[in-house]
Amino acid sequence: MKRAFIPLGIFVTLVVFLWIGLSLNPREVPSPLVGKPAPTFRLPQLHDASKTFSPEDMRGKVWLLNVWASWCATCLQEHPLLREMSRRNIVPIYGLNYKDKREDGIAWLNMHGDPYVLAAYDIEGKVGIDWGVYGVPESFLIDKAGIIRHKVIGAIKPEDMALLLPLIKELNDE
């Protein structure tokens, strides 16, 4: 008789864990890279494959790396905010075009506007893996010393700006 309750107990335990997991906010996944040096890479630029981009090029500047792709619907949702940040010169924004076709990425930026100082091209997604990208979009705020200071998982939203704006100001004042 007691053996009949074992599968029921296992089922109830699984349901509890599933319920807890579904109640968590996926935007609050901690990044082990925050507070550590940004991983290095050297990738071709999206618009000009003969030129490259590396985080080393940004030493001494506060900047934002935005990982995006033309096939990403959520990227389109955050795009107006990125364009506004770029227009207002809040912080230099560099793009990392992730697992995309070069011509699709260029066409997408031509259609929706280009907020990036430049975009690097990560066709294989290896740089995204090194940076701990869970999916696109994701954004990383990097300080003058090349340290990742903040990560936004998913689209940057207006409410994220309440944290980003003071942090960008603080980092620029250092």
C-alpha atoms as a PDB file:
ATOM      1  CA  MET A   1       0.000   0.000   0.000  1.00  0.00           C
ATOM      2  CA  LYS A   2       2.798   2.422   0.911  1.00  0.00           C
ATOM      3  CA  ARG A   3       4.538   1.695  -2.416  1.00  0.00           C
ATOM      4  CA  ALA A   4       1.589   3.201  -4.277  1.00  0.00           C
ATOM      5  CA  PHE A   5       2.299   6.596  -2.685  1.00  0.00           C
ATOM      6  CA  ILE A   6       5.906   6.744  -3.945  1.00  0.00           C
ATOM      7  CA  PRO A   7       4.978   7.715  -7.561  1.00  0.00           C
ATOM      8  CA  LEU A   8       2.432  10.209  -6.215  1.00  0.00           C
ATOM      9  CA  GLY A   9       5.077  11.763  -3.933  1.00  0.00           C
ATOM     10  CA  ILE A  10       7.538  12.035  -6.831  1.00  0.00           C
ATOM     11  CA  PHE A  11       4.852  13.628  -9.014  1.00  0.00           C
ATOM     12  CA  VAL A  12       3.900  16.178  -6.343  1.00  0.00           C
ATOM     13  CA  THR A  13       7.594  17.068  -5.820  1.00  0.00           C
ATOM     14  CA  LEU A  14       8.072  17.619  -9.562  1.00  0.00           C
ATOM     15  CA  VAL A  15       4.967  19.803  -9.749  1.00  0.00           C
ATOM     16  CA  VAL A  16       6.253  21.938  -6.840  1.00  0.00           C
ATOM     17  CA  PHE A  17       9.657  22.423  -8.522  1.00  0.00           C
ATOM     18  CA  LEU A  18       7.969  23.249 -11.840  1.00  0.00           C
ATOM     19  CA  TRP A  19       5.694  25.780 -10.109  1.00  0.00           C
ATOM     20  CA  ILE A  20       8.680  27.453  -8.417  1.00  0.00           C
ATOM     21  CA  GLY A  21      10.648  27.523 -11.696  1.00  0.00           C
ATOM     22  CA  LEU A  22       7.784  29.095 -13.615  1.00  0.00           C
ATOM     23  CA  SER A  23       7.425  31.841 -11.020  1.00  0.00           C
ATOM     24  CA  LEU A  24      11.050  33.033 -11.433  1.00  0.00           C
ATOM     25  CA  ASN A  25      11.874  36.074 -13.572  1.00  0.00           C
ATOM     26  CA  PRO A  26      14.241  35.025 -16.410  1.00  0.00           C
ATOM     27  CA  ARG A  27      15.577  38.609 -16.602  1.00  0.00           C
ATOM     28  CA  GLU A  28      17.066  38.147 -13.117  1.00  0.00           C
ATOM     29  CA  VAL A  29      19.495  35.369 -14.028  1.00  0.00           C
ATOM     30  CA  PRO A  30      22.778  36.411 -12.409  1.00  0.00           C
ATOM     31  CA  SER A  31      25.722  36.748 -14.766  1.00  0.00           C
ATOM     32  CA  PRO A  32      29.064  35.423 -13.548  1.00  0.00           C
ATOM     33  CA  LEU A  33      30.755  37.986 -15.827  1.00  0.00           C
ATOM     34  CA  VAL A  34      29.492  41.097 -14.007  1.00  0.00           C
ATOM     35  CA  GLY A  35      32.469  42.589 -12.190  1.00  0.00           C
ATOM     36  CA  LYS A  36      34.958  40.740 -14.380  1.00  0.00           C
ATOM     37  CA  PRO A  37      36.935  41.779 -17.477  1.00  0.00           C
ATOM     38  CA  ALA A  38      34.955  41.602 -20.704  1.00  0.00           C
ATOM     39  CA  PRO A  39      36.002  38.563 -22.756  1.00  0.00           C
ATOM     40  CA  THR A  40      38.269  39.528 -25.613  1.00  0.00           C
ATOM     41  CA  PHE A  41      37.531  38.924 -29.260  1.00  0.00           C
ATOM     42  CA  ARG A  42      38.343  40.382 -32.637  1.00  0.00           C
ATOM     43  CA  LEU A  43      35.544  40.105 -35.186  1.00  0.00           C
ATOM     44  CA  PRO A  44      34.904  41.559 -38.615  1.00  0.00           C
ATOM     45  CA  GLN A  45      32.565  44.515 -38.710  1.00  0.00           C
ATOM     46  CA  LEU A  46      29.095  43.908 -40.104  1.00  0.00           C
ATOM     47  CA  HIS A  47      29.207  46.699 -42.699  1.00  0.00           C
ATOM     48  CA  ASP A  48      32.856  46.265 -43.710  1.00  0.00           C
ATOM     49  CA  ALA A  49      34.367  42.788 -43.361  1.00  0.00           C
ATOM     50  CA  SER A  50      37.851  44.186 -44.036  1.00  0.00           C
ATOM     51  CA  LYS A  51      37.697  46.079 -40.701  1.00  0.00           C
ATOM     52  CA  THR A  52      37.552  44.484 -37.257  1.00  0.00           C
ATOM     53  CA  PHE A  53      36.284  45.368 -33.805  1.00  0.00           C
ATOM     54  CA  SER A  54      37.553  44.319 -30.383  1.00  0.00           C
ATOM     55  CA  PRO A  55      36.646  45.365 -26.830  1.00  0.00           C
ATOM     56  CA  GLU A  56      40.305  46.374 -26.537  1.00  0.00           C
ATOM     57  CA  ASP A  57      39.501  49.210 -28.964  1.00  0.00           C
ATOM     58  CA  MET A  58      37.202  50.655 -26.283  1.00  0.00           C
ATOM     59  CA  ARG A  59      39.672  50.956 -23.385  1.00  0.00           C
ATOM     60  CA  GLY A  60      39.160  54.243 -21.599  1.00  0.00           C
ATOM     61  CA  LYS A  61      35.489  54.529 -22.647  1.00  0.00           C
ATOM     62  CA  VAL A  62      32.194  53.530 -21.073  1.00  0.00           C
ATOM     63  CA  TRP A  63      30.148  51.671 -23.688  1.00  0.00           C
ATOM     64  CA  LEU A  64      27.236  49.312 -24.232  1.00  0.00           C
ATOM     65  CA  LEU A  65      27.457  46.053 -26.190  1.00  0.00           C
ATOM     66  CA  ASN A  66      24.057  45.029 -27.539  1.00  0.00           C
ATOM     67  CA  VAL A  67      23.735  41.471 -28.858  1.00  0.00           C
ATOM     68  CA  TRP A  68      21.048  41.307 -31.552  1.00  0.00           C
ATOM     69  CA  ALA A  69      19.932  39.521 -34.733  1.00  0.00           C
ATOM     70  CA  SER A  70      17.611  40.256 -37.648  1.00  0.00           C
ATOM     71  CA  TRP A  71      15.589  37.120 -36.874  1.00  0.00           C
ATOM     72  CA  CYS A  72      14.931  38.257 -33.284  1.00  0.00           C
ATOM     73  CA  ALA A  73      11.429  39.666 -32.714  1.00  0.00           C
ATOM     74  CA  THR A  74      12.319  40.971 -29.245  1.00  0.00           C
ATOM     75  CA  CYS A  75      15.249  42.914 -30.738  1.00  0.00           C
ATOM     76  CA  LEU A  76      12.735  44.885 -32.747  1.00  0.00           C
ATOM     77  CA  GLN A  77      10.847  45.758 -29.539  1.00  0.00           C
ATOM     78  CA  GLU A  78      13.930  47.299 -27.891  1.00  0.00           C
ATOM     79  CA  HIS A  79      15.224  48.943 -31.058  1.00  0.00           C
ATOM     80  CA  PRO A  80      13.377  52.303 -30.682  1.00  0.00           C
ATOM     81  CA  LEU A  81      14.890  52.715 -27.213  1.00  0.00           C
ATOM     82  CA  LEU A  82      18.390  51.970 -28.556  1.00  0.00           C
ATOM     83  CA  ARG A  83      17.876  54.528 -31.329  1.00  0.00           C
ATOM     84  CA  GLU A  84      16.755  57.100 -28.755  1.00  0.00           C
ATOM     85  CA  MET A  85      19.760  56.353 -26.518  1.00  0.00           C
ATOM     86  CA  SER A  86      22.019  56.786 -29.543  1.00  0.00           C
ATOM     87  CA  ARG A  87      20.308  60.008 -30.639  1.00  0.00           C
ATOM     88  CA  ARG A  88      20.704  61.474 -27.133  1.00  0.00           C
ATOM     89  CA  ASN A  89      24.366  60.334 -26.906  1.00  0.00           C
ATOM     90  CA  ILE A  90      23.696  58.595 -23.591  1.00  0.00           C
ATOM     91  CA  VAL A  91      26.407  55.995 -24.176  1.00  0.00           C
ATOM     92  CA  PRO A  92      28.174  54.682 -27.295  1.00  0.00           C
ATOM     93  CA  ILE A  93      26.329  51.544 -28.390  1.00  0.00           C
ATOM     94  CA  TYR A  94      28.167  48.785 -30.236  1.00  0.00           C
ATOM     95  CA  GLY A  95      26.263  45.904 -31.764  1.00  0.00           C
ATOM     96  CA  LEU A  96      27.126  42.240 -31.890  1.00  0.00           C
ATOM     97  CA  ASN A  97      25.174  40.711 -34.777  1.00  0.00           C
ATOM     98  CA  TYR A  98      24.675  37.165 -33.486  1.00  0.00           C
ATOM     99  CA  LYS A  99      24.270  34.022 -35.638  1.00  0.00           C
ATOM    100  CA  ASP A 100      22.833  36.007 -38.511  1.00  0.00           C
ATOM    101  CA  LYS A 101      23.428  36.359 -42.230  1.00  0.00           C
ATOM    102  CA  ARG A 102      25.465  39.476 -42.979  1.00  0.00           C
ATOM    103  CA  GLU A 103      23.050  40.704 -45.653  1.00  0.00           C
ATOM    104  CA  ASP A 104      20.041  40.146 -43.354  1.00  0.00           C
ATOM    105  CA  GLY A 105      21.647  42.141 -40.531  1.00  0.00           C
ATOM    106  CA  ILE A 106      22.539  45.031 -42.835  1.00  0.00           C
ATOM    107  CA  ALA A 107      19.062  45.058 -44.400  1.00  0.00           C
ATOM    108  CA  TRP A 108      17.440  45.001 -40.935  1.00  0.00           C
ATOM    109  CA  LEU A 109      19.480  48.026 -39.798  1.00  0.00           C
ATOM    110  CA  ASN A 110      18.719  49.865 -43.041  1.00  0.00           C
ATOM    111  CA  MET A 111      15.008  49.217 -42.525  1.00  0.00           C
ATOM    112  CA  HIS A 112      14.751  49.999 -38.798  1.00  0.00           C
ATOM    113  CA  GLY A 113      17.571  52.497 -38.260  1.00  0.00           C
ATOM    114  CA  ASP A 114      21.113  51.940 -37.027  1.00  0.00           C
ATOM    115  CA  PRO A 115      21.779  52.979 -33.408  1.00  0.00           C
ATOM    116  CA  TYR A 116      25.263  51.453 -33.363  1.00  0.00           C
ATOM    117  CA  VAL A 117      28.606  53.199 -33.636  1.00  0.00           C
ATOM    118  CA  LEU A 118      29.460  49.950 -35.400  1.00  0.00           C
ATOM    119  CA  ALA A 119      28.341  46.343 -35.312  1.00  0.00           C
ATOM    120  CA  ALA A 120      30.604  43.306 -35.155  1.00  0.00           C
ATOM    121  CA  TYR A 121      29.595  40.145 -36.982  1.00  0.00           C
ATOM    122  CA  ASP A 122      29.488  36.852 -34.986  1.00  0.00           C
ATOM    123  CA  ILE A 123      28.221  34.338 -37.540  1.00  0.00           C
ATOM    124  CA  GLU A 124      29.151  31.252 -35.500  1.00  0.00           C
ATOM    125  CA  GLY A 125      28.032  32.611 -32.138  1.00  0.00           C
ATOM    126  CA  LYS A 126      31.336  31.784 -30.418  1.00  0.00           C
ATOM    127  CA  VAL A 127      31.755  35.276 -28.992  1.00  0.00           C
ATOM    128  CA  GLY A 128      28.194  35.168 -27.691  1.00  0.00           C
ATOM    129  CA  ILE A 129      29.032  31.942 -25.866  1.00  0.00           C
ATOM    130  CA  ASP A 130      32.165  33.508 -24.348  1.00  0.00           C
ATOM    131  CA  TRP A 131      30.055  36.421 -23.122  1.00  0.00           C
ATOM    132  CA  GLY A 132      27.457  34.085 -21.566  1.00  0.00           C
ATOM    133  CA  VAL A 133      24.647  35.078 -23.917  1.00  0.00           C
ATOM    134  CA  TYR A 134      21.490  33.101 -23.144  1.00  0.00           C
ATOM    135  CA  GLY A 135      19.609  34.495 -26.125  1.00  0.00           C
ATOM    136  CA  VAL A 136      19.118  37.726 -27.973  1.00  0.00           C
ATOM    137  CA  PRO A 137      18.784  40.523 -27.180  1.00  0.00           C
ATOM    138  CA  GLU A 138      21.196  40.979 -24.315  1.00  0.00           C
ATOM    139  CA  SER A 139      23.197  44.055 -23.415  1.00  0.00           C
ATOM    140  CA  PHE A 140      26.369  44.585 -21.415  1.00  0.00           C
ATOM    141  CA  LEU A 141      27.536  47.869 -19.889  1.00  0.00           C
ATOM    142  CA  ILE A 142      31.338  47.985 -19.854  1.00  0.00           C
ATOM    143  CA  ASP A 143      33.419  50.514 -17.919  1.00  0.00           C
ATOM    144  CA  LYS A 144      36.612  52.371 -18.905  1.00  0.00           C
ATOM    145  CA  ALA A 145      38.813  49.549 -17.598  1.00  0.00           C
ATOM    146  CA  GLY A 146      36.990  46.945 -19.686  1.00  0.00           C
ATOM    147  CA  ILE A 147      35.013  45.485 -16.768  1.00  0.00           C
ATOM    148  CA  ILE A 148      31.414  44.366 -17.313  1.00  0.00           C
ATOM    149  CA  ARG A 149      29.399  46.406 -14.825  1.00  0.00           C
ATOM    150  CA  HIS A 150      25.825  45.426 -15.718  1.00  0.00           C
ATOM    151  CA  LYS A 151      23.953  42.972 -17.928  1.00  0.00           C
ATOM    152  CA  VAL A 152      20.395  43.257 -19.241  1.00  0.00           C
ATOM    153  CA  ILE A 153      18.863  39.960 -20.290  1.00  0.00           C
ATOM    154  CA  GLY A 154      16.178  40.459 -22.900  1.00  0.00           C
ATOM    155  CA  ALA A 155      15.094  43.766 -24.353  1.00  0.00           C
ATOM    156  CA  ILE A 156      16.177  46.970 -22.643  1.00  0.00           C
ATOM    157  CA  LYS A 157      12.978  48.572 -21.385  1.00  0.00           C
ATOM    158  CA  PRO A 158      12.283  52.102 -20.156  1.00  0.00           C
ATOM    159  CA  GLU A 159      12.303  50.845 -16.551  1.00  0.00           C
ATOM    160  CA  ASP A 160      15.867  49.547 -17.074  1.00  0.00           C
ATOM    161  CA  MET A 161      16.943  53.113 -17.776  1.00  0.00           C
ATOM    162  CA  ALA A 162      16.312  54.025 -14.125  1.00  0.00           C
ATOM    163  CA  LEU A 163      19.301  51.843 -13.248  1.00  0.00           C
ATOM    164  CA  LEU A 164      21.389  52.336 -16.399  1.00  0.00           C
ATOM    165  CA  LEU A 165      21.406  56.154 -16.564  1.00  0.00           C
ATOM    166  CA  PRO A 166      22.867  56.757 -13.069  1.00  0.00           C
ATOM    167  CA  LEU A 167      25.342  53.911 -13.547  1.00  0.00           C
ATOM    168  CA  ILE A 168      26.518  55.310 -16.894  1.00  0.00           C
ATOM    169  CA  LYS A 169      26.943  58.749 -15.308  1.00  0.00           C
ATOM    170  CA  GLU A 170      28.852  57.285 -12.344  1.00  0.00           C
ATOM    171  CA  LEU A 171      31.158  55.278 -14.629  1.00  0.00           C
ATOM    172  CA  ASN A 172      31.858  58.282 -16.847  1.00  0.00           C
ATOM    173  CA  ASP A 173      32.681  60.418 -13.793  1.00  0.00           C
ATOM    174  CA  GLU A 174      35.271  57.924 -12.479  1.00  0.00           C
END
